[in-house]
PDB file of N, CA and C in Angstrom:
ATOM      1  N   MET A   1      81.218 -86.948-171.298  1.00  0.00           N
ATOM      2  CA  MET A   1      80.812 -87.337-172.632  1.00  0.00           C
ATOM      3  C   MET A   1      79.702 -86.394-173.101  1.00  0.00           C
ATOM      4  N   PRO A   2      79.927 -85.645-174.151  1.00  0.00           N
ATOM      5  CA  PRO A   2      78.905 -84.712-174.632  1.00  0.00           C
ATOM      6  C   PRO A   2      77.715 -85.464-175.234  1.00  0.00           C
ATOM      7  N   ILE A   3      76.566 -84.864-175.092  1.00  0.00           N
ATOM      8  CA  ILE A   3      75.348 -85.486-175.605  1.00  0.00           C
ATOM      9  C   ILE A   3      74.896 -84.767-176.871  1.00  0.00           C
ATOM     10  N   GLU A   4      74.501 -85.540-177.854  1.00  0.00           N
ATOM     11  CA  GLU A   4      74.011 -84.961-179.103  1.00  0.00           C
ATOM     12  C   GLU A   4      72.523 -84.651-178.937  1.00  0.00           C
ATOM     13  N   LEU A   5      72.176 -83.382-179.096  1.00  0.00           N
ATOM     14  CA  LEU A   5      70.788 -82.962-178.945  1.00  0.00           C
ATOM     15  C   LEU A   5      70.108 -82.842-180.302  1.00  0.00           C
ATOM     16  N   ALA A   6      68.843 -83.215-180.324  1.00  0.00           N
ATOM     17  CA  ALA A   6      68.024 -83.012-181.521  1.00  0.00           C
ATOM     18  C   ALA A   6      67.653 -81.533-181.595  1.00  0.00           C
ATOM     19  N   GLU A   7      67.053 -81.111-182.680  1.00  0.00           N
ATOM     20  CA  GLU A   7      66.662 -79.705-182.837  1.00  0.00           C
ATOM     21  C   GLU A   7      65.677 -79.251-181.768  1.00  0.00           C
ATOM     22  N   ASN A   8      64.881 -80.176-181.231  1.00  0.00           N
ATOM     23  CA  ASN A   8      63.905 -79.832-180.199  1.00  0.00           C
ATOM     24  C   ASN A   8      64.521 -79.734-178.800  1.00  0.00           C
ATOM     25  N   GLY A   9      65.818 -80.011-178.681  1.00  0.00           N
ATOM     26  CA  GLY A   9      66.511 -79.914-177.403  1.00  0.00           C
ATOM     27  C   GLY A   9      66.580 -81.204-176.617  1.00  0.00           C
ATOM     28  N   LEU A  10      65.924 -82.252-177.090  1.00  0.00           N
ATOM     29  CA  LEU A  10      65.970 -83.553-176.414  1.00  0.00           C
ATOM     30  C   LEU A  10      67.206 -84.327-176.870  1.00  0.00           C
ATOM     31  N   PRO A  11      67.710 -85.230-176.017  1.00  0.00           N
ATOM     32  CA  PRO A  11      68.834 -86.058-176.451  1.00  0.00           C
ATOM     33  C   PRO A  11      68.434 -86.898-177.667  1.00  0.00           C
ATOM     34  N   GLN A  12      69.217 -86.845-178.709  1.00  0.00           N
ATOM     35  CA  GLN A  12      68.936 -87.614-179.926  1.00  0.00           C
ATOM     36  C   GLN A  12      68.831 -89.101-179.606  1.00  0.00           C
ATOM     37  N   SER A  13      69.643 -89.565-178.665  1.00  0.00           N
ATOM     38  CA  SER A  13      69.666 -90.984-178.308  1.00  0.00           C
ATOM     39  C   SER A  13      68.381 -91.456-177.636  1.00  0.00           C
ATOM     40  N   SER A  14      67.536 -90.536-177.184  1.00  0.00           N
ATOM     41  CA  SER A  14      66.307 -90.926-176.487  1.00  0.00           C
ATOM     42  C   SER A  14      65.120 -91.108-177.431  1.00  0.00           C
ATOM     43  N   GLN A  15      65.322 -90.895-178.703  1.00  0.00           N
ATOM     44  CA  GLN A  15      64.214 -90.965-179.661  1.00  0.00           C
ATOM     45  C   GLN A  15      63.475 -92.301-179.589  1.00  0.00           C
ATOM     46  N   TRP A  16      64.176 -93.388-179.384  1.00  0.00           N
ATOM     47  CA  TRP A  16      63.557 -94.716-179.335  1.00  0.00           C
ATOM     48  C   TRP A  16      62.574 -94.871-178.175  1.00  0.00           C
ATOM     49  N   LEU A  17      62.679 -94.009-177.156  1.00  0.00           N
ATOM     50  CA  LEU A  17      61.783 -94.085-176.000  1.00  0.00           C
ATOM     51  C   LEU A  17      60.384 -93.535-176.286  1.00  0.00           C
ATOM     52  N   PHE A  18      60.214 -92.876-177.416  1.00  0.00           N
ATOM     53  CA  PHE A  18      58.955 -92.194-177.727  1.00  0.00           C
ATOM     54  C   PHE A  18      58.396 -92.626-179.087  1.00  0.00           C
ATOM     55  N   PRO A  19      58.181 -93.928-179.311  1.00  0.00           N
ATOM     56  CA  PRO A  19      57.777 -94.386-180.641  1.00  0.00           C
ATOM     57  C   PRO A  19      56.413 -93.873-181.094  1.00  0.00           C
ATOM     58  N   GLU A  20      55.526 -93.593-180.155  1.00  0.00           N
ATOM     59  CA  GLU A  20      54.178 -93.156-180.530  1.00  0.00           C
ATOM     60  C   GLU A  20      54.049 -91.640-180.672  1.00  0.00           C
ATOM     61  N   TYR A  21      55.142 -90.919-180.475  1.00  0.00           N
ATOM     62  CA  TYR A  21      55.154 -89.460-180.586  1.00  0.00           C
ATOM     63  C   TYR A  21      55.937 -89.028-181.823  1.00  0.00           C
ATOM     64  N   ASP A  22      55.620 -87.854-182.308  1.00  0.00           N
ATOM     65  CA  ASP A  22      56.420 -87.235-183.365  1.00  0.00           C
ATOM     66  C   ASP A  22      57.602 -86.581-182.642  1.00  0.00           C
ATOM     67  N   PHE A  23      58.704 -87.293-182.581  1.00  0.00           N
ATOM     68  CA  PHE A  23      59.853 -86.868-181.778  1.00  0.00           C
ATOM     69  C   PHE A  23      60.311 -85.456-182.118  1.00  0.00           C
ATOM     70  N   ALA A  24      60.335 -85.111-183.382  1.00  0.00           N
ATOM     71  CA  ALA A  24      60.810 -83.788-183.811  1.00  0.00           C
ATOM     72  C   ALA A  24      59.955 -82.659-183.245  1.00  0.00           C
ATOM     73  N   ARG A  25      58.702 -82.949-182.934  1.00  0.00           N
ATOM     74  CA  ARG A  25      57.794 -81.917-182.415  1.00  0.00           C
ATOM     75  C   ARG A  25      57.679 -81.912-180.895  1.00  0.00           C
ATOM     76  N   MET A  26      58.351 -82.827-180.227  1.00  0.00           N
ATOM     77  CA  MET A  26      58.267 -82.882-178.762  1.00  0.00           C
ATOM     78  C   MET A  26      59.004 -81.698-178.151  1.00  0.00           C
ATOM     79  N   ASN A  27      58.337 -81.018-177.257  1.00  0.00           N
ATOM     80  CA  ASN A  27      58.883 -79.859-176.564  1.00  0.00           C
ATOM     81  C   ASN A  27      59.191 -80.271-175.125  1.00  0.00           C
ATOM     82  N   PRO A  28      60.412 -80.031-174.615  1.00  0.00           N
ATOM     83  CA  PRO A  28      60.756 -80.441-173.255  1.00  0.00           C
ATOM     84  C   PRO A  28      59.845 -79.865-172.167  1.00  0.00           C
ATOM     85  N   ASP A  29      59.231 -78.717-172.407  1.00  0.00           N
ATOM     86  CA  ASP A  29      58.311 -78.149-171.410  1.00  0.00           C
ATOM     87  C   ASP A  29      56.930 -78.786-171.509  1.00  0.00           C
ATOM     88  N   LYS A  30      56.402 -78.847-172.696  1.00  0.00           N
ATOM     89  CA  LYS A  30      55.050 -79.373-172.911  1.00  0.00           C
ATOM     90  C   LYS A  30      54.957 -80.870-172.604  1.00  0.00           C
ATOM     91  N   TYR A  31      55.999 -81.612-172.907  1.00  0.00           N
ATOM     92  CA  TYR A  31      55.997 -83.063-172.730  1.00  0.00           C
ATOM     93  C   TYR A  31      56.832 -83.514-171.526  1.00  0.00           C
ATOM     94  N   ALA A  32      57.013 -82.645-170.556  1.00  0.00           N
ATOM     95  CA  ALA A  32      57.886 -82.950-169.414  1.00  0.00           C
ATOM     96  C   ALA A  32      57.512 -84.253-168.717  1.00  0.00           C
ATOM     97  N   GLY A  33      56.228 -84.477-168.485  1.00  0.00           N
ATOM     98  CA  GLY A  33      55.799 -85.685-167.775  1.00  0.00           C
ATOM     99  C   GLY A  33      56.215 -86.967-168.464  1.00  0.00           C
ATOM    100  N   VAL A  34      55.951 -87.060-169.750  1.00  0.00           N
ATOM    101  CA  VAL A  34      56.299 -88.280-170.480  1.00  0.00           C
ATOM    102  C   VAL A  34      57.816 -88.410-170.636  1.00  0.00           C
ATOM    103  N   ILE A  35      58.505 -87.301-170.790  1.00  0.00           N
ATOM    104  CA  ILE A  35      59.970 -87.335-170.900  1.00  0.00           C
ATOM    105  C   ILE A  35      60.574 -87.835-169.592  1.00  0.00           C
ATOM    106  N   LEU A  36      60.110 -87.296-168.468  1.00  0.00           N
ATOM    107  CA  LEU A  36      60.599 -87.754-167.161  1.00  0.00           C
ATOM    108  C   LEU A  36      60.309 -89.239-166.976  1.00  0.00           C
ATOM    109  N   GLU A  37      59.098 -89.649-167.275  1.00  0.00           N
ATOM    110  CA  GLU A  37      58.711 -91.050-167.116  1.00  0.00           C
ATOM    111  C   GLU A  37      59.613 -91.982-167.915  1.00  0.00           C
ATOM    112  N   ARG A  38      59.777 -91.710-169.188  1.00  0.00           N
ATOM    113  CA  ARG A  38      60.520 -92.623-170.061  1.00  0.00           C
ATOM    114  C   ARG A  38      62.010 -92.646-169.729  1.00  0.00           C
ATOM    115  N   ILE A  39      62.600 -91.480-169.485  1.00  0.00           N
ATOM    116  CA  ILE A  39      64.044 -91.458-169.218  1.00  0.00           C
ATOM    117  C   ILE A  39      64.350 -92.012-167.829  1.00  0.00           C
ATOM    118  N   LEU A  40      63.527 -91.721-166.825  1.00  0.00           N
ATOM    119  CA  LEU A  40      63.771 -92.288-165.493  1.00  0.00           C
ATOM    120  C   LEU A  40      63.589 -93.798-165.496  1.00  0.00           C
ATOM    121  N   ASN A  41      62.694 -94.312-166.312  1.00  0.00           N
ATOM    122  CA  ASN A  41      62.468 -95.757-166.400  1.00  0.00           C
ATOM    123  C   ASN A  41      63.546 -96.475-167.199  1.00  0.00           C
ATOM    124  N   ARG A  42      63.920 -95.927-168.372  1.00  0.00           N
ATOM    125  CA  ARG A  42      64.753 -96.697-169.292  1.00  0.00           C
ATOM    126  C   ARG A  42      65.865 -95.916-169.960  1.00  0.00           C
ATOM    127  N   GLY A  43      66.105 -94.703-169.510  1.00  0.00           N
ATOM    128  CA  GLY A  43      67.130 -93.885-170.143  1.00  0.00           C
ATOM    129  C   GLY A  43      68.545 -94.271-169.734  1.00  0.00           C
ATOM    130  N   SER A  44      69.502 -93.833-170.536  1.00  0.00           N
ATOM    131  CA  SER A  44      70.922 -94.062-170.231  1.00  0.00           C
ATOM    132  C   SER A  44      71.390 -93.028-169.205  1.00  0.00           C
ATOM    133  N   TRP A  45      72.585 -93.230-168.670  1.00  0.00           N
ATOM    134  CA  TRP A  45      73.123 -92.270-167.699  1.00  0.00           C
ATOM    135  C   TRP A  45      73.346 -90.903-168.343  1.00  0.00           C
ATOM    136  N   VAL A  46      73.715 -90.886-169.587  1.00  0.00           N
ATOM    137  CA  VAL A  46      73.904 -89.610-170.294  1.00  0.00           C
ATOM    138  C   VAL A  46      72.562 -88.880-170.394  1.00  0.00           C
ATOM    139  N   GLU A  47      71.500 -89.606-170.704  1.00  0.00           N
ATOM    140  CA  GLU A  47      70.169 -89.002-170.787  1.00  0.00           C
ATOM    141  C   GLU A  47      69.676 -88.546-169.416  1.00  0.00           C
ATOM    142  N   ILE A  48      70.015 -89.291-168.388  1.00  0.00           N
ATOM    143  CA  ILE A  48      69.631 -88.896-167.025  1.00  0.00           C
ATOM    144  C   ILE A  48      70.370 -87.623-166.624  1.00  0.00           C
ATOM    145  N   ARG A  49      71.637 -87.515-166.996  1.00  0.00           N
ATOM    146  CA  ARG A  49      72.378 -86.271-166.716  1.00  0.00           C
ATOM    147  C   ARG A  49      71.703 -85.094-167.422  1.00  0.00           C
ATOM    148  N   TRP A  50      71.281 -85.301-168.673  1.00  0.00           N
ATOM    149  CA  TRP A  50      70.553 -84.256-169.406  1.00  0.00           C
ATOM    150  C   TRP A  50      69.268 -83.885-168.660  1.00  0.00           C
ATOM    151  N   LEU A  51      68.564 -84.900-168.154  1.00  0.00           N
ATOM    152  CA  LEU A  51      67.327 -84.675-167.404  1.00  0.00           C
ATOM    153  C   LEU A  51      67.598 -83.798-166.184  1.00  0.00           C
ATOM    154  N   LEU A  52      68.659 -84.105-165.448  1.00  0.00           N
ATOM    155  CA  LEU A  52      69.028 -83.305-164.267  1.00  0.00           C
ATOM    156  C   LEU A  52      69.412 -81.885-164.657  1.00  0.00           C
ATOM    157  N   ASP A  53      70.160 -81.736-165.730  1.00  0.00           N
ATOM    158  CA  ASP A  53      70.551 -80.396-166.195  1.00  0.00           C
ATOM    159  C   ASP A  53      69.352 -79.590-166.685  1.00  0.00           C
ATOM    160  N   THR A  54      68.391 -80.264-167.288  1.00  0.00           N
ATOM    161  CA  THR A  54      67.239 -79.583-167.885  1.00  0.00           C
ATOM    162  C   THR A  54      66.162 -79.243-166.862  1.00  0.00           C
ATOM    163  N   TYR A  55      65.798 -80.206-166.016  1.00  0.00           N
ATOM    164  CA  TYR A  55      64.682 -80.012-165.088  1.00  0.00           C
ATOM    165  C   TYR A  55      65.125 -79.735-163.653  1.00  0.00           C
ATOM    166  N   GLY A  56      66.317 -80.174-163.295  1.00  0.00           N
ATOM    167  CA  GLY A  56      66.814 -79.975-161.939  1.00  0.00           C
ATOM    168  C   GLY A  56      66.314 -81.049-160.985  1.00  0.00           C
ATOM    169  N   LYS A  57      67.109 -81.305-159.975  1.00  0.00           N
ATOM    170  CA  LYS A  57      66.804 -82.352-159.002  1.00  0.00           C
ATOM    171  C   LYS A  57      65.477 -82.096-158.283  1.00  0.00           C
ATOM    172  N   ARG A  58      65.220 -80.843-157.939  1.00  0.00           N
ATOM    173  CA  ARG A  58      63.993 -80.504-157.202  1.00  0.00           C
ATOM    174  C   ARG A  58      62.736 -80.828-158.024  1.00  0.00           C
ATOM    175  N   GLU A  59      62.715 -80.450-159.305  1.00  0.00           N
ATOM    176  CA  GLU A  59      61.552 -80.721-160.166  1.00  0.00           C
ATOM    177  C   GLU A  59      61.379 -82.218-160.410  1.00  0.00           C
ATOM    178  N   ILE A  60      62.487 -82.913-160.583  1.00  0.00           N
ATOM    179  CA  ILE A  60      62.416 -84.362-160.795  1.00  0.00           C
ATOM    180  C   ILE A  60      61.862 -85.035-159.543  1.00  0.00           C
ATOM    181  N   ALA A  61      62.354 -84.638-158.379  1.00  0.00           N
ATOM    182  CA  ALA A  61      61.858 -85.201-157.119  1.00  0.00           C
ATOM    183  C   ALA A  61      60.368 -84.906-156.942  1.00  0.00           C
ATOM    184  N   LYS A  62      59.956 -83.712-157.287  1.00  0.00           N
ATOM    185  CA  LYS A  62      58.535 -83.338-157.197  1.00  0.00           C
ATOM    186  C   LYS A  62      57.693 -84.244-158.098  1.00  0.00           C
ATOM    187  N   TRP A  63      58.166 -84.499-159.315  1.00  0.00           N
ATOM    188  CA  TRP A  63      57.443 -85.368-160.237  1.00  0.00           C
ATOM    189  C   TRP A  63      57.393 -86.803-159.708  1.00  0.00           C
ATOM    190  N   VAL A  64      58.527 -87.317-159.222  1.00  0.00           N
ATOM    191  CA  VAL A  64      58.565 -88.688-158.689  1.00  0.00           C
ATOM    192  C   VAL A  64      57.619 -88.805-157.493  1.00  0.00           C
ATOM    193  N   ARG A  65      57.617 -87.810-156.630  1.00  0.00           N
ATOM    194  CA  ARG A  65      56.744 -87.808-155.450  1.00  0.00           C
ATOM    195  C   ARG A  65      55.267 -87.842-155.860  1.00  0.00           C
ATOM    196  N   SER A  66      54.907 -87.081-156.878  1.00  0.00           N
ATOM    197  CA  SER A  66      53.505 -86.968-157.291  1.00  0.00           C
ATOM    198  C   SER A  66      53.050 -88.057-158.264  1.00  0.00           C
ATOM    199  N   HIS A  67      53.916 -88.462-159.176  1.00  0.00           N
ATOM    200  CA  HIS A  67      53.496 -89.356-160.261  1.00  0.00           C
ATOM    201  C   HIS A  67      54.281 -90.663-160.354  1.00  0.00           C
ATOM    202  N   GLY A  68      55.405 -90.743-159.673  1.00  0.00           N
ATOM    203  CA  GLY A  68      56.280 -91.902-159.834  1.00  0.00           C
ATOM    204  C   GLY A  68      55.657 -93.229-159.465  1.00  0.00           C
ATOM    205  N   TYR A  69      54.847 -93.252-158.405  1.00  0.00           N
ATOM    206  CA  TYR A  69      54.231 -94.506-157.963  1.00  0.00           C
ATOM    207  C   TYR A  69      53.416 -95.145-159.088  1.00  0.00           C
ATOM    208  N   ARG A  70      52.712 -94.330-159.859  1.00  0.00           N
ATOM    209  CA  ARG A  70      51.867 -94.844-160.939  1.00  0.00           C
ATOM    210  C   ARG A  70      52.605 -95.006-162.255  1.00  0.00           C
ATOM    211  N   ARG A  71      53.554 -94.125-162.534  1.00  0.00           N
ATOM    212  CA  ARG A  71      54.100 -94.059-163.894  1.00  0.00           C
ATOM    213  C   ARG A  71      55.485 -94.675-164.071  1.00  0.00           C
ATOM    214  N   LEU A  72      56.153 -95.005-162.977  1.00  0.00           N
ATOM    215  CA  LEU A  72      57.443 -95.691-163.078  1.00  0.00           C
ATOM    216  C   LEU A  72      57.247 -97.145-162.676  1.00  0.00           C
ATOM    217  N   ASP A  73      58.071 -98.038-163.241  1.00  0.00           N
ATOM    218  CA  ASP A  73      57.972 -99.413-162.761  1.00  0.00           C
ATOM    219  C   ASP A  73      58.504 -99.450-161.325  1.00  0.00           C
ATOM    220  N   LYS A  74      58.152-100.492-160.590  1.00  0.00           N
ATOM    221  CA  LYS A  74      58.474-100.537-159.150  1.00  0.00           C
ATOM    222  C   LYS A  74      59.966-100.383-158.872  1.00  0.00           C
ATOM    223  N   ARG A  75      60.773-101.041-159.664  1.00  0.00           N
ATOM    224  CA  ARG A  75      62.218-100.965-159.449  1.00  0.00           C
ATOM    225  C   ARG A  75      62.725 -99.538-159.651  1.00  0.00           C
ATOM    226  N   ALA A  76      62.317 -98.902-160.747  1.00  0.00           N
ATOM    227  CA  ALA A  76      62.744 -97.522-161.023  1.00  0.00           C
ATOM    228  C   ALA A  76      62.202 -96.569-159.964  1.00  0.00           C
ATOM    229  N   PHE A  77      60.939 -96.748-159.576  1.00  0.00           N
ATOM    230  CA  PHE A  77      60.351 -95.873-158.560  1.00  0.00           C
ATOM    231  C   PHE A  77      61.134 -95.958-157.252  1.00  0.00           C
ATOM    232  N   ASN A  78      61.408 -97.163-156.797  1.00  0.00           N
ATOM    233  CA  ASN A  78      62.146 -97.321-155.541  1.00  0.00           C
ATOM    234  C   ASN A  78      63.576 -96.801-155.652  1.00  0.00           C
ATOM    235  N   TYR A  79      64.208 -97.005-156.789  1.00  0.00           N
ATOM    236  CA  TYR A  79      65.558 -96.492-156.996  1.00  0.00           C
ATOM    237  C   TYR A  79      65.569 -94.968-156.905  1.00  0.00           C
ATOM    238  N   TRP A  80      64.694 -94.298-157.672  1.00  0.00           N
ATOM    239  CA  TRP A  80      64.686 -92.835-157.685  1.00  0.00           C
ATOM    240  C   TRP A  80      64.191 -92.256-156.364  1.00  0.00           C
ATOM    241  N   ARG A  81      63.282 -92.944-155.722  1.00  0.00           N
ATOM    242  CA  ARG A  81      62.829 -92.489-154.403  1.00  0.00           C
ATOM    243  C   ARG A  81      64.012 -92.486-153.432  1.00  0.00           C
ATOM    244  N   ASN A  82      64.805 -93.534-153.478  1.00  0.00           N
ATOM    245  CA  ASN A  82      65.982 -93.636-152.618  1.00  0.00           C
ATOM    246  C   ASN A  82      67.043 -92.607-153.005  1.00  0.00           C
ATOM    247  N   MET A  83      67.346 -92.491-154.296  1.00  0.00           N
ATOM    248  CA  MET A  83      68.382 -91.564-154.764  1.00  0.00           C
ATOM    249  C   MET A  83      68.032 -90.101-154.495  1.00  0.00           C
ATOM    250  N   LEU A  84      66.738 -89.774-154.548  1.00  0.00           N
ATOM    251  CA  LEU A  84      66.306 -88.390-154.358  1.00  0.00           C
ATOM    252  C   LEU A  84      65.864 -88.103-152.925  1.00  0.00           C
ATOM    253  N   GLY A  85      65.967 -89.103-152.048  1.00  0.00           N
ATOM    254  CA  GLY A  85      65.624 -88.907-150.640  1.00  0.00           C
ATOM    255  C   GLY A  85      64.143 -88.660-150.396  1.00  0.00           C
ATOM    256  N   ILE A  86      63.293 -89.293-151.172  1.00  0.00           N
ATOM    257  CA  ILE A  86      61.846 -89.091-151.048  1.00  0.00           C
ATOM    258  C   ILE A  86      61.285 -90.076-150.032  1.00  0.00           C
ATOM    259  N   LYS A  87      60.699 -89.540-148.981  1.00  0.00           N
ATOM    260  CA  LYS A  87      60.106 -90.384-147.942  1.00  0.00           C
ATOM    261  C   LYS A  87      58.583 -90.473-148.110  1.00  0.00           C
ATOM    262  N   ARG A  88      57.954 -89.357-148.491  1.00  0.00           N
ATOM    263  CA  ARG A  88      56.501 -89.323-148.658  1.00  0.00           C
ATOM    264  C   ARG A  88      56.187 -89.152-150.143  1.00  0.00           C
ATOM    265  N   TYR A  89      55.193 -89.898-150.589  1.00  0.00           N
ATOM    266  CA  TYR A  89      54.804 -89.834-151.993  1.00  0.00           C
ATOM    267  C   TYR A  89      53.315 -90.126-152.122  1.00  0.00           C
ATOM    268  N   THR A  90      52.759 -89.793-153.277  1.00  0.00           N
ATOM    269  CA  THR A  90      51.334 -89.952-153.534  1.00  0.00           C
ATOM    270  C   THR A  90      51.031 -91.365-154.016  1.00  0.00           C
ATOM    271  N   VAL A  91      50.072 -92.000-153.330  1.00  0.00           N
ATOM    272  CA  VAL A  91      49.577 -93.313-153.729  1.00  0.00           C
ATOM    273  C   VAL A  91      48.133 -93.121-154.188  1.00  0.00           C
ATOM    274  N   PRO A  92      47.768 -93.637-155.358  1.00  0.00           N
ATOM    275  CA  PRO A  92      46.391 -93.474-155.831  1.00  0.00           C
ATOM    276  C   PRO A  92      45.398 -94.106-154.854  1.00  0.00           C
ATOM    277  N   PRO A  93      44.204 -93.535-154.723  1.00  0.00           N
ATOM    278  CA  PRO A  93      43.208 -94.044-153.773  1.00  0.00           C
ATOM    279  C   PRO A  93      42.892 -95.527-153.961  1.00  0.00           C
ATOM    280  N   TRP A  94      42.837 -95.996-155.215  1.00  0.00           N
ATOM    281  CA  TRP A  94      42.504 -97.399-155.444  1.00  0.00           C
ATOM    282  C   TRP A  94      43.583 -98.347-154.948  1.00  0.00           C
ATOM    283  N   GLU A  95      44.793 -97.859-154.765  1.00  0.00           N
ATOM    284  CA  GLU A  95      45.873 -98.687-154.228  1.00  0.00           C
ATOM    285  C   GLU A  95      45.795 -98.781-152.707  1.00  0.00           C
ATOM    286  N   ARG A  96      45.163 -97.819-152.084  1.00  0.00           N
ATOM    287  CA  ARG A  96      45.053 -97.802-150.621  1.00  0.00           C
ATOM    288  C   ARG A  96      43.959 -98.732-150.121  1.00  0.00           C
ATOM    289  N   ILE A  97      43.042 -99.120-150.987  1.00  0.00           N
ATOM    290  CA  ILE A  97      41.923 -99.988-150.603  1.00  0.00           C
ATOM    291  C   ILE A  97      42.366-101.434-150.781  1.00  0.00           C
ATOM    292  N   LYS A  98      42.591-102.100-149.687  1.00  0.00           N
ATOM    293  CA  LYS A  98      43.023-103.505-149.755  1.00  0.00           C
ATOM    294  C   LYS A  98      42.375-104.307-148.669  1.00  0.00           C
TER     295      LYS A  98
END
């Protein structure tokens, strides 16, 4: 199923994920962190395929390893950790103090 891209190169269907941003001005390189966060959390399979084609599995895994614990909901984090084969990941210091 082909994906309709906006002029900025993002999937047009993902616009609803970024209500506080000027979607037309979002750049996939400059806004990579927020794009990864929103699409991995709530994106469609078509948008996830776009994410894989755009950033690649290695970059996505690197982001999930470094930022996923804090920026993805628990269900999404555990799903992507499992799907990407991530065993070690970064936990913020305040989470380690219990």
